[in-house]
Every structure is written in structure tokens, then in C-alpha cells.
N, C-alpha and C. Protein backbone atom coordinates (compact mmCIF):
# COMPACT_ATOMS: atom_id res chain seq x y z
N UNK A 1 -6.49 -4.41 5.00
CA UNK A 1 -6.76 -4.64 6.01
C UNK A 1 -5.14 -4.51 7.10
N UNK A 2 -5.15 -4.42 8.01
CA UNK A 2 -4.16 -4.08 9.50
C UNK A 2 -4.30 -4.97 10.45
N UNK A 3 -2.83 -5.36 10.89
CA UNK A 3 -2.96 -5.79 11.88
C UNK A 3 -1.97 -5.41 12.91
N UNK A 4 -2.45 -4.80 14.32
CA UNK A 4 -0.98 -4.13 15.05
C UNK A 4 -0.88 -5.20 16.26
N UNK A 5 0.43 -5.22 16.43
CA UNK A 5 0.94 -6.21 17.24
C UNK A 5 1.51 -5.05 18.83
N UNK A 6 1.44 -5.64 19.92
CA UNK A 6 1.29 -4.87 21.44
C UNK A 6 2.60 -6.06 22.42
N UNK A 7 3.34 -5.03 23.11
CA UNK A 7 3.34 -5.92 24.73
C UNK A 7 2.64 -5.26 25.29
N UNK A 8 2.68 -6.18 26.11
CA UNK A 8 1.70 -5.93 27.49
C UNK A 8 2.86 -6.12 28.56
N UNK A 9 2.66 -5.37 29.69
CA UNK A 9 3.07 -5.44 30.95
C UNK A 9 2.58 -4.97 32.14
N UNK A 10 2.89 -5.37 33.33
CA UNK A 10 2.09 -4.84 34.78
C UNK A 10 3.21 -4.38 35.81
N UNK A 11 4.44 -4.12 34.71
CA UNK A 11 5.58 -3.60 35.44
C UNK A 11 5.94 -2.38 35.08
N UNK A 12 5.21 -1.55 36.35
CA UNK A 12 5.51 0.18 35.84
C UNK A 12 7.15 0.93 35.64
N UNK A 13 8.10 -0.07 36.32
CA UNK A 13 9.38 0.68 37.01
C UNK A 13 9.71 -0.21 34.92
N UNK A 14 9.65 -0.96 34.54
CA UNK A 14 10.30 -1.48 33.26
C UNK A 14 9.60 -0.40 31.66
N UNK A 15 8.44 0.08 32.33
CA UNK A 15 7.74 0.67 31.20
C UNK A 15 8.03 2.00 30.84
N UNK A 16 8.32 2.76 32.10
CA UNK A 16 8.95 3.69 32.36
C UNK A 16 10.29 3.74 32.17
N UNK A 17 11.09 2.97 32.31
CA UNK A 17 12.59 2.63 31.96
C UNK A 17 12.91 2.73 30.25
N UNK A 18 12.24 1.79 29.76
CA UNK A 18 12.17 1.43 28.17
C UNK A 18 10.82 2.13 27.41
N UNK A 19 9.91 2.48 27.76
CA UNK A 19 9.23 2.85 26.65
C UNK A 19 8.34 4.39 27.38
N UNK A 20 8.84 5.28 27.91
CA UNK A 20 8.49 6.28 28.52
C UNK A 20 7.49 7.23 27.91
N UNK A 21 6.57 7.58 28.03
CA UNK A 21 5.68 8.18 27.35
C UNK A 21 5.43 7.26 25.87
N UNK A 22 5.52 6.37 25.43
CA UNK A 22 5.55 5.47 24.94
C UNK A 22 4.25 4.02 24.60
N UNK A 23 3.76 4.31 26.62
CA UNK A 23 2.47 3.26 26.13
C UNK A 23 1.42 3.86 26.76
N UNK A 24 0.31 2.73 26.42
CA UNK A 24 -1.15 3.46 27.02
C UNK A 24 -1.46 2.75 28.04
N UNK A 25 -2.52 2.81 29.22
CA UNK A 25 -2.87 1.92 30.36
C UNK A 25 -3.97 1.19 29.29
N UNK A 26 -4.13 0.28 30.06
CA UNK A 26 -5.03 -0.56 29.36
C UNK A 26 -6.13 -1.69 30.05
N UNK A 27 -7.28 -1.91 30.05
CA UNK A 27 -7.56 -2.71 31.02
C UNK A 27 -8.09 -4.02 30.33
N UNK A 28 -7.83 -4.17 28.84
CA UNK A 28 -8.27 -5.32 28.15
C UNK A 28 -6.79 -5.68 27.59
N UNK A 29 -6.37 -7.23 27.76
CA UNK A 29 -7.00 -8.10 28.26
C UNK A 29 -6.60 -8.50 29.89
N UNK A 30 -6.37 -7.68 30.36
CA UNK A 30 -6.07 -7.23 31.24
C UNK A 30 -5.47 -6.05 32.31
N UNK A 31 -5.29 -5.28 33.02
CA UNK A 31 -4.87 -3.96 33.65
C UNK A 31 -3.35 -4.21 33.34
N UNK A 32 -3.21 -3.11 32.91
CA UNK A 32 -1.36 -2.96 32.35
C UNK A 32 -0.82 -1.74 31.44
N UNK A 33 -0.02 -2.43 31.25
CA UNK A 33 0.55 -1.15 30.12
C UNK A 33 1.03 -1.83 28.83
N UNK A 34 0.29 -1.21 27.61
CA UNK A 34 0.66 -1.94 26.22
C UNK A 34 1.53 -0.34 25.30
N UNK A 35 2.41 -1.15 24.72
CA UNK A 35 3.24 -0.69 23.82
C UNK A 35 3.02 -1.42 22.41
N UNK A 36 2.75 -0.30 21.66
CA UNK A 36 2.85 -0.85 20.00
C UNK A 36 3.84 -1.37 19.29
N UNK A 37 4.24 -2.57 18.65
CA UNK A 37 5.41 -2.95 18.49
C UNK A 37 5.59 -2.72 17.33
N UNK A 38 4.21 -2.94 16.36
CA UNK A 38 4.20 -2.65 15.29
C UNK A 38 3.06 -2.67 13.95
N UNK A 39 2.70 -3.15 13.02
CA UNK A 39 1.58 -3.06 12.31
C UNK A 39 2.01 -3.97 10.77
N UNK A 40 0.90 -4.22 10.56
CA UNK A 40 1.33 -4.86 9.23
C UNK A 40 0.16 -4.52 8.48
N UNK A 41 0.20 -4.37 6.59
CA UNK A 41 -1.29 -4.13 5.75
C UNK A 41 -0.58 -4.79 4.91
N UNK A 42 -1.66 -5.11 4.43
CA UNK A 42 -1.58 -6.04 2.82
C UNK A 42 -0.87 -5.14 2.07
N UNK A 43 0.14 -5.32 0.96
CA UNK A 43 0.64 -4.46 -0.11
C UNK A 43 1.51 -3.23 0.96
N UNK A 44 1.79 -3.57 2.15
CA UNK A 44 3.16 -2.79 2.59
C UNK A 44 4.14 -3.53 3.50
N UNK A 45 5.10 -3.22 3.46
CA UNK A 45 6.21 -3.87 4.31
C UNK A 45 6.11 -3.73 5.68
N UNK A 46 6.08 -4.50 6.89
CA UNK A 46 5.85 -4.37 7.95
C UNK A 46 6.89 -3.11 8.86
N UNK A 47 6.16 -1.99 9.86
CA UNK A 47 6.25 -0.85 10.05
C UNK A 47 5.90 -1.19 11.52
N UNK A 48 6.99 -1.14 11.99
CA UNK A 48 7.92 -1.07 12.83
C UNK A 48 7.90 0.62 13.99
N UNK A 49 7.67 0.63 15.74
CA UNK A 49 7.50 1.86 16.12
C UNK A 49 8.75 1.90 16.89
N UNK A 50 9.14 2.94 16.39
CA UNK A 50 10.21 3.58 17.66
C UNK A 50 10.34 3.25 18.96
N UNK A 51 11.23 2.58 19.73
CA UNK A 51 11.23 2.60 20.97
C UNK A 51 12.96 2.89 21.28
N UNK A 52 13.39 3.83 21.22
CA UNK A 52 14.99 3.96 20.94
C UNK A 52 15.91 3.59 22.58
N UNK A 53 14.53 3.64 23.46
CA UNK A 53 15.37 3.52 24.43
C UNK A 53 15.40 1.79 25.26
N UNK A 54 14.63 1.12 23.82
CA UNK A 54 14.20 -0.32 24.38
C UNK A 54 15.10 -0.98 23.82
N UNK A 55 14.93 -0.21 21.89
CA UNK A 55 16.01 -1.27 20.67
C UNK A 55 15.81 -0.07 19.40
N UNK A 56 16.63 -0.39 18.63
CA UNK A 56 17.01 0.58 17.31
C UNK A 56 16.94 -0.20 16.07
N UNK A 57 16.78 -1.39 16.06
CA UNK A 57 16.32 -2.30 15.38
C UNK A 57 15.26 -3.30 15.58
N UNK A 58 15.05 -4.00 14.71
CA UNK A 58 14.66 -5.67 14.55
C UNK A 58 15.74 -6.76 15.09
N UNK A 59 16.27 -6.30 15.01
CA UNK A 59 17.35 -7.49 15.51
C UNK A 59 17.26 -7.63 17.11
N UNK A 60 17.36 -6.00 17.54
CA UNK A 60 17.43 -5.79 19.02
C UNK A 60 16.03 -6.38 19.47
N UNK A 61 15.05 -5.90 18.42
CA UNK A 61 13.78 -6.02 19.35
C UNK A 61 13.54 -7.35 19.60
N UNK A 62 14.44 -8.27 18.84
CA UNK A 62 13.87 -9.82 19.16
C UNK A 62 14.83 -10.17 20.34
N UNK A 63 15.57 -9.58 20.36
CA UNK A 63 16.55 -9.97 21.52
C UNK A 63 16.14 -9.37 22.91
N UNK A 64 15.59 -8.18 22.59
CA UNK A 64 14.91 -7.43 24.07
C UNK A 64 14.20 -8.35 24.09
N UNK A 65 12.83 -8.78 23.46
CA UNK A 65 11.31 -9.03 24.15
C UNK A 65 12.08 -10.73 24.10
N UNK A 66 13.25 -11.26 23.54
CA UNK A 66 13.57 -12.44 24.67
C UNK A 66 14.34 -12.43 25.88
N UNK A 67 14.94 -11.38 26.11
CA UNK A 67 15.67 -11.01 27.40
C UNK A 67 14.09 -11.02 28.42
N UNK A 68 13.47 -10.17 28.47
CA UNK A 68 12.55 -9.77 29.03
C UNK A 68 11.05 -10.80 29.16
N UNK A 69 11.44 -11.90 28.21
CA UNK A 69 9.93 -12.70 28.22
C UNK A 69 8.95 -12.82 29.57
N UNK A 70 10.05 -12.45 30.95
CA UNK A 70 9.28 -12.39 32.14
C UNK A 70 8.58 -11.83 32.63
N UNK A 71 8.84 -10.18 32.07
CA UNK A 71 8.17 -9.21 32.60
C UNK A 71 6.59 -8.64 31.33
N UNK A 72 6.62 -9.65 30.01
CA UNK A 72 5.69 -8.75 28.86
C UNK A 72 4.72 -10.40 28.41
N UNK A 73 3.82 -9.75 27.86
CA UNK A 73 3.36 -10.69 26.95
C UNK A 73 3.14 -9.60 25.58
N UNK A 74 3.06 -10.28 24.71
CA UNK A 74 2.64 -10.08 22.98
C UNK A 74 1.55 -10.97 23.04
N UNK A 75 0.88 -9.64 22.53
CA UNK A 75 -0.41 -10.02 21.81
C UNK A 75 -0.95 -9.36 20.31
N UNK A 76 -1.77 -9.16 19.83
CA UNK A 76 -2.33 -8.54 18.81
C UNK A 76 -3.23 -7.88 18.60
N UNK A 77 -4.13 -6.95 17.84
CA UNK A 77 -5.16 -6.34 18.58
C UNK A 77 -6.20 -6.60 18.58
N UNK A 78 -6.62 -7.78 18.59
CA UNK A 78 -7.73 -9.05 18.95
C UNK A 78 -7.45 -9.45 20.12
N UNK A 79 -6.27 -9.24 20.84
CA UNK A 79 -6.16 -9.86 22.12
C UNK A 79 -5.79 -10.97 21.78
N UNK A 80 -4.93 -11.62 20.86
CA UNK A 80 -4.46 -12.96 20.47
C UNK A 80 -3.23 -13.19 20.95
N UNK A 81 -2.69 -13.42 22.32
CA UNK A 81 -1.64 -13.87 22.78
C UNK A 81 -0.69 -14.73 21.83
N UNK A 82 0.58 -14.64 21.66
CA UNK A 82 1.50 -14.87 20.27
C UNK A 82 2.61 -14.87 21.09
N UNK A 83 3.71 -15.89 20.75
CA UNK A 83 5.14 -16.19 21.13
C UNK A 83 5.66 -15.20 20.35
N UNK A 84 7.16 -15.28 20.47
CA UNK A 84 8.06 -14.76 19.93
C UNK A 84 8.45 -14.97 18.30
N UNK A 85 7.90 -16.45 18.26
CA UNK A 85 8.06 -17.02 16.78
C UNK A 85 7.16 -16.50 15.70
N UNK A 86 5.41 -16.28 16.96
CA UNK A 86 4.57 -16.34 16.09
C UNK A 86 4.73 -14.92 15.28
N UNK A 87 4.92 -13.88 16.32
CA UNK A 87 5.44 -12.62 16.00
C UNK A 87 6.38 -12.44 14.86
N UNK A 88 7.34 -13.29 14.72
CA UNK A 88 8.67 -13.50 13.50
C UNK A 88 7.59 -13.82 12.25
N UNK A 89 7.10 -14.84 12.14
CA UNK A 89 6.08 -15.60 10.94
C UNK A 89 4.93 -14.21 11.03
N UNK A 90 4.40 -13.36 11.84
CA UNK A 90 3.36 -12.77 11.42
C UNK A 90 3.47 -11.16 11.16
N UNK A 91 4.68 -10.57 11.38
CA UNK A 91 4.74 -9.71 11.60
C UNK A 91 6.43 -9.22 10.76
N UNK A 92 7.23 -9.57 11.53
CA UNK A 92 8.30 -9.07 11.41
C UNK A 92 8.91 -10.31 9.77
N UNK A 93 8.39 -10.85 9.50
CA UNK A 93 8.88 -11.76 8.07
C UNK A 93 7.03 -11.36 6.82
N UNK A 94 6.51 -10.36 7.56
CA UNK A 94 5.35 -10.11 6.59
C UNK A 94 5.08 -9.79 5.18
N UNK A 95 6.85 -8.51 5.14
CA UNK A 95 6.73 -8.20 3.68
C UNK A 95 7.26 -9.40 2.59
N UNK A 96 7.88 -10.49 3.44
CA UNK A 96 8.49 -11.80 2.45
C UNK A 96 7.20 -12.91 2.24
N UNK A 97 6.62 -12.58 2.50
CA UNK A 97 4.91 -13.30 2.47
C UNK A 97 4.62 -12.82 1.35
N UNK A 98 4.75 -11.52 0.88
CA UNK A 98 3.81 -10.80 -0.30
C UNK A 98 4.59 -11.37 -1.65
N UNK A 99 3.33 -11.18 -2.59
CA UNK A 99 4.07 -11.55 -4.05
C UNK A 99 4.68 -9.97 -4.48
N UNK A 100 5.81 -10.13 -4.77
CA UNK A 100 6.18 -9.09 -5.52
C UNK A 100 5.78 -8.32 -6.67
N UNK A 101 4.86 -7.06 -6.44
CA UNK A 101 4.47 -6.15 -7.77
C UNK A 101 4.72 -5.09 -8.45
N UNK A 102 5.02 -4.88 -9.35
CA UNK A 102 5.39 -3.75 -10.16
C UNK A 102 3.81 -2.67 -10.52
N UNK A 103 4.17 -1.27 -9.54
CA UNK A 103 2.88 -0.53 -9.74
C UNK A 103 3.08 0.63 -10.23
N UNK A 104 2.05 1.18 -11.07
CA UNK A 104 2.14 2.55 -11.73
C UNK A 104 1.27 3.45 -11.37
N UNK A 105 1.44 4.60 -10.91
CA UNK A 105 0.76 5.78 -10.14
C UNK A 105 -0.56 5.64 -11.08
N UNK A 106 -1.42 6.20 -10.65
CA UNK A 106 -2.53 6.30 -11.22
C UNK A 106 -3.40 7.82 -11.17
N UNK A 107 -2.76 8.52 -11.41
CA UNK A 107 -3.12 10.35 -11.56
C UNK A 107 -4.28 10.00 -11.58
N UNK A 108 -5.38 9.73 -13.09
CA UNK A 108 -6.68 9.61 -12.81
C UNK A 108 -7.71 9.34 -11.87
N UNK A 109 -7.63 8.18 -10.78
CA UNK A 109 -8.14 7.59 -10.02
C UNK A 109 -7.51 8.20 -8.95
N UNK A 110 -6.80 8.87 -8.57
CA UNK A 110 -6.23 9.58 -7.54
C UNK A 110 -6.68 10.67 -6.94
N UNK A 111 -6.74 11.27 -6.08
CA UNK A 111 -6.99 12.49 -4.96
C UNK A 111 -6.38 12.80 -3.89
N UNK A 112 -6.55 13.61 -3.24
CA UNK A 112 -6.02 14.04 -1.91
C UNK A 112 -6.08 13.09 -0.51
N UNK A 113 -7.26 12.29 -0.46
CA UNK A 113 -7.53 10.95 0.35
C UNK A 113 -7.13 9.72 -0.33
N UNK A 114 -6.83 9.72 -1.37
CA UNK A 114 -6.60 8.26 -2.02
C UNK A 114 -5.84 8.10 -2.95
N UNK A 115 -4.62 7.59 -2.77
CA UNK A 115 -3.70 7.69 -3.98
C UNK A 115 -3.53 6.01 -4.57
N UNK A 116 -3.74 6.58 -5.76
CA UNK A 116 -3.74 5.04 -6.72
C UNK A 116 -2.83 4.29 -7.10
N UNK A 117 -2.62 3.31 -7.61
CA UNK A 117 -1.22 2.85 -8.38
C UNK A 117 -2.48 1.42 -9.08
N UNK A 118 -1.97 1.23 -9.93
CA UNK A 118 -1.88 -0.08 -10.85
C UNK A 118 -1.19 -1.39 -11.07
N UNK A 119 -1.19 -1.79 -11.14
CA UNK A 119 -0.18 -3.64 -12.00
C UNK A 119 -0.04 -2.84 -12.86
N UNK A 120 1.52 -2.86 -13.16
CA UNK A 120 1.96 -2.54 -14.16
C UNK A 120 3.15 -3.64 -14.70
N UNK A 121 4.45 -3.38 -15.28
CA UNK A 121 5.13 -4.50 -15.64
C UNK A 121 6.69 -4.12 -15.17
N UNK A 122 7.34 -5.12 -15.25
CA UNK A 122 8.63 -4.84 -14.19
C UNK A 122 9.56 -3.79 -15.39
N UNK A 123 9.18 -3.69 -16.71
CA UNK A 123 9.29 -2.56 -17.16
C UNK A 123 9.11 -1.45 -17.41
N UNK A 124 7.99 -1.00 -16.88
CA UNK A 124 6.92 0.21 -16.92
C UNK A 124 6.62 0.51 -15.57
N UNK A 125 7.35 0.70 -14.30
CA UNK A 125 6.31 0.71 -13.06
C UNK A 125 6.99 2.13 -12.20
N UNK A 126 6.59 2.56 -11.22
CA UNK A 126 7.08 4.03 -10.53
C UNK A 126 7.55 3.15 -8.98
N UNK A 127 7.18 1.98 -8.56
CA UNK A 127 7.28 1.87 -7.33
C UNK A 127 6.78 -0.36 -7.25
N UNK A 128 7.27 -0.49 -6.20
CA UNK A 128 7.19 -1.75 -6.23
C UNK A 128 6.36 -1.83 -4.81
N UNK A 129 5.77 -3.35 -4.97
CA UNK A 129 4.97 -3.65 -3.57
C UNK A 129 5.40 -5.13 -3.47
N UNK A 130 6.17 -5.37 -1.97
CA UNK A 130 4.97 -4.47 -1.00
C UNK A 130 5.86 -3.09 -0.41
N UNK A 131 5.00 -2.25 -0.44
CA UNK A 131 5.65 -0.71 -0.53
C UNK A 131 6.66 -0.53 0.71
N UNK A 132 8.03 0.06 0.66
CA UNK A 132 8.86 0.25 1.85
C UNK A 132 8.00 1.94 1.96
N UNK A 133 8.20 2.40 3.01
CA UNK A 133 7.40 3.61 3.55
C UNK A 133 8.25 4.79 3.10
N UNK A 134 9.40 4.54 3.23
CA UNK A 134 10.38 5.77 2.69
C UNK A 134 9.91 6.04 1.19
N UNK A 135 10.34 4.71 0.26
CA UNK A 135 10.30 4.77 -0.75
C UNK A 135 8.83 5.01 -1.53
N UNK A 136 7.98 4.89 -1.12
CA UNK A 136 6.46 5.36 -0.97
C UNK A 136 6.44 7.03 -1.12
N UNK A 137 6.94 7.55 -0.08
CA UNK A 137 7.01 9.15 -0.09
C UNK A 137 7.91 9.69 -1.00
N UNK A 138 9.00 9.50 -1.26
CA UNK A 138 10.14 9.57 -2.21
C UNK A 138 9.22 9.73 -3.82
N UNK A 139 8.29 8.20 -4.14
CA UNK A 139 7.61 8.07 -5.11
C UNK A 139 6.15 9.44 -4.88
N UNK A 140 5.68 9.70 -4.12
CA UNK A 140 4.51 10.62 -4.18
C UNK A 140 5.15 11.89 -4.52
N UNK A 141 6.09 12.31 -3.06
CA UNK A 141 7.07 13.68 -3.54
C UNK A 141 6.93 13.92 -5.32
N UNK A 142 7.89 12.85 -5.65
CA UNK A 142 7.83 13.69 -6.98
C UNK A 142 6.49 13.36 -8.10
N UNK A 143 5.90 12.95 -7.85
CA UNK A 143 4.88 12.22 -9.09
C UNK A 143 3.49 13.23 -8.89
N UNK A 144 3.51 13.22 -7.16
CA UNK A 144 1.66 14.00 -7.15
C UNK A 144 2.25 15.10 -5.87
N UNK A 145 3.28 15.81 -5.77
CA UNK A 145 3.79 16.13 -4.30
C UNK A 145 2.71 17.17 -3.85
N UNK A 146 1.47 17.51 -4.14
CA UNK A 146 0.08 18.03 -3.66
C UNK A 146 -0.37 17.03 -2.92
N UNK A 147 -0.30 15.64 -2.99
CA UNK A 147 -0.78 14.63 -2.36
C UNK A 147 -0.48 14.70 -0.80
N UNK A 148 -0.82 14.78 0.36
CA UNK A 148 -0.06 14.65 1.77
C UNK A 148 0.20 13.28 2.27
N UNK A 149 0.99 12.73 2.55
CA UNK A 149 1.45 11.43 3.50
C UNK A 149 2.29 11.81 4.81
N UNK A 150 2.34 11.04 5.35
CA UNK A 150 3.44 10.81 6.58
C UNK A 150 4.44 11.08 6.34
N UNK A 151 5.07 12.46 5.85
CA UNK A 151 6.28 12.21 5.19
C UNK A 151 7.36 12.74 6.28
N UNK A 152 8.84 12.32 6.61
CA UNK A 152 9.44 12.46 6.95
C UNK A 152 9.51 11.91 8.44
N UNK A 153 8.90 11.03 8.96
CA UNK A 153 8.77 10.05 10.42
C UNK A 153 9.12 8.73 9.92
N UNK A 154 9.55 8.26 8.78
CA UNK A 154 10.04 7.10 8.68
C UNK A 154 11.59 7.12 8.54
N UNK A 155 11.90 5.64 8.95
CA UNK A 155 13.70 5.09 8.75
C UNK A 155 13.81 3.93 9.04
N UNK A 156 15.01 3.96 8.17
CA UNK A 156 15.18 2.26 7.96
C UNK A 156 16.11 1.64 9.49
N UNK A 157 15.75 0.49 9.43
CA UNK A 157 16.68 0.01 10.59
C UNK A 157 18.29 -0.69 9.73
N UNK A 158 19.34 -1.17 10.09
CA UNK A 158 20.97 -1.59 9.45
C UNK A 158 20.06 -3.03 8.60
N UNK A 159 18.90 -2.92 9.01
CA UNK A 159 18.27 -4.46 7.65
C UNK A 159 17.47 -4.08 7.29
N UNK A 160 17.24 -3.06 7.11
CA UNK A 160 16.38 -1.97 6.15
C UNK A 160 14.45 -2.38 6.27
N UNK A 161 14.24 -2.89 7.90
CA UNK A 161 13.00 -2.93 7.70
C UNK A 161 12.81 -1.39 8.47
N UNK A 162 11.36 -0.98 8.30
CA UNK A 162 10.93 0.22 8.27
C UNK A 162 10.59 0.72 9.67
N UNK A 163 10.89 2.30 10.01
CA UNK A 163 10.11 1.94 11.42
C UNK A 163 9.35 3.68 11.41
N UNK A 164 8.57 3.82 12.33
CA UNK A 164 8.24 5.38 12.21
C UNK A 164 7.78 5.76 13.67
N UNK A 165 7.81 6.97 13.79
CA UNK A 165 8.04 8.10 14.93
C UNK A 165 6.97 9.07 15.30
N UNK A 166 6.72 9.70 15.54
CA UNK A 166 5.58 10.70 15.83
C UNK A 166 4.45 10.47 16.14
N UNK A 167 3.35 11.20 15.95
CA UNK A 167 2.07 10.93 16.39
C UNK A 167 1.35 9.90 15.74
N UNK A 168 1.80 9.18 14.80
CA UNK A 168 1.34 7.47 14.67
C UNK A 168 1.29 6.72 15.47
N UNK A 169 2.33 6.69 16.25
CA UNK A 169 2.82 5.82 17.29
C UNK A 169 2.44 6.29 18.57
N UNK A 170 1.53 7.33 18.97
CA UNK A 170 1.40 7.59 20.16
C UNK A 170 0.24 7.03 20.88
N UNK A 171 0.28 6.52 21.80
CA UNK A 171 -0.75 5.53 22.66
C UNK A 171 -2.03 6.02 22.99
N UNK A 172 -3.61 5.66 22.35
CA UNK A 172 -4.74 6.27 22.93
C UNK A 172 -5.19 5.34 23.71
N UNK A 173 -5.42 5.26 24.80
CA UNK A 173 -6.36 4.25 25.28
C UNK A 173 -7.44 3.60 25.29
N UNK A 174 -8.23 2.39 25.43
CA UNK A 174 -9.00 2.02 25.27
C UNK A 174 -9.59 1.20 26.00
N UNK A 175 -10.89 -0.19 26.03
CA UNK A 175 -11.40 -0.63 26.84
C UNK A 175 -12.44 0.44 27.54
N UNK A 176 -12.28 0.21 28.62
CA UNK A 176 -13.06 0.74 29.85
C UNK A 176 -12.62 2.31 29.73
N UNK A 177 -10.98 2.55 29.78
CA UNK A 177 -9.93 3.56 29.72
C UNK A 177 -10.26 4.61 28.64
N UNK A 178 -10.82 4.14 27.99
CA UNK A 178 -10.82 4.86 26.64
C UNK A 178 -12.26 5.40 26.98
N UNK A 179 -13.63 4.47 27.16
CA UNK A 179 -14.79 5.06 27.27
C UNK A 179 -14.11 6.34 28.84
N UNK A 180 -13.68 6.49 29.85
CA UNK A 180 -13.44 7.15 30.79
C UNK A 180 -12.88 8.57 30.10
N UNK A 181 -11.63 8.05 29.08
CA UNK A 181 -10.94 9.28 28.56
C UNK A 181 -12.29 10.34 27.67
N UNK A 182 -13.00 9.81 27.33
CA UNK A 182 -13.98 10.40 26.37
C UNK A 182 -14.64 10.77 27.04
N UNK A 183 -15.51 10.23 27.93
CA UNK A 183 -16.06 11.17 28.59
C UNK A 183 -15.68 12.28 29.43
N UNK A 184 -14.15 12.09 29.68
CA UNK A 184 -13.80 13.59 30.31
C UNK A 184 -13.33 14.79 29.46
N UNK A 185 -13.37 14.10 27.84
CA UNK A 185 -12.83 15.09 26.78
C UNK A 185 -14.33 15.65 27.10
N UNK A 186 -15.17 15.22 26.82
CA UNK A 186 -16.73 15.78 26.74
C UNK A 186 -16.70 16.63 27.16
N UNK A 187 -16.72 16.03 28.77
CA UNK A 187 -16.74 16.79 29.70
C UNK A 187 -16.67 18.45 29.81
N UNK A 188 -15.01 18.58 29.32
CA UNK A 188 -14.40 19.62 29.13
C UNK A 188 -14.60 20.83 28.04
N UNK A 189 -15.24 20.04 27.24
CA UNK A 189 -15.63 21.12 26.04
C UNK A 189 -16.88 22.01 26.58
């Protein structure tokens, strides 16, 4: 299970300046612009979306969100509004709240869509969880290069937080706007 976290603003100049082509129009929880900050998933380090015109590290992100708090709201995918302190607890420090596990690749249980690791020991493991996205790709490249992962779009910031760019972070409409978008797409076919 994963949870995504978002910035919401109704300030078009702000979103065009800092998040050009990195936002989506939404009408839930209210009309405005939504920018994905990142996501957390069990067994993984938190993953942050790259927004290089706004910030390039988690430290800069926290400062940016604080400075622009008069223009933005922060919420999770269930549209629960949260504070910057709650974002730190729920997303930024997510990896610190998970127990370290030593994992061994299980080739017999893995296939192209489902890569499996079993709990192992500190003396015999392929990777530690919570998984670092870059390290995970390196392990898969070494142990099972035929398996497809989202290689090459991950980076670390100066404090070793994981960031992603590319299609995974591209915005998609939701709510009423998503229904209209889907109707337009189907009528064009």
C-alpha cells in the first residue's frame, strides 16, 4: 500500500513559475493546481518527485513549502490536509520508521511483473529494506537483468533521499476533470 502527497494552489503564476508541466488541474478538494510531492510505500524509502525549478533536495523542499505556505496547501491522496510537520512525520521520515530487513532475491518466485525477495540474514543478503530505489535497480540489473524496472530516472539528493523524474511523476487529471478527459479521449478514437 502506498500514499501520495500533494501541494495544492490556486495561484496560476506560482504554479507556472515553479512547476511548469509538472501539475494537473483538479476540482477536488477544490478547483486549482495539484503538484505531486512524493509517495511512501511499505518496504521502500520515501520517493520524491523532482521539481528542479522549486527545489532540488528535501531540505530545500521543506524551506520552499514553509516560505510559500500562504499560497499552498499540503494534503494526501485521500484529500486529508496536513501541516509541514505532519508531512515530515508521514513522508520525509517514513524510511526511518521502518525496521531494517535483510532480503535475498528469490528467482523461483519472481517473474517479469513481480520481483520477489525473501527475508534473510545480515550475513547472506542481496539488498536491505526499506529499499533504496537506485540500489534496487542495481541489484535487479545484477541478479535478473531481463526483468524490467524503472531504471535511470532515480537520483539522490545531498542527504540521500530518493527522487524520480519522468513519466511516473507526470500529472494526470482526476475528479470531474478526469471524467471529462476520459470522455474526450474516447471520442477521439
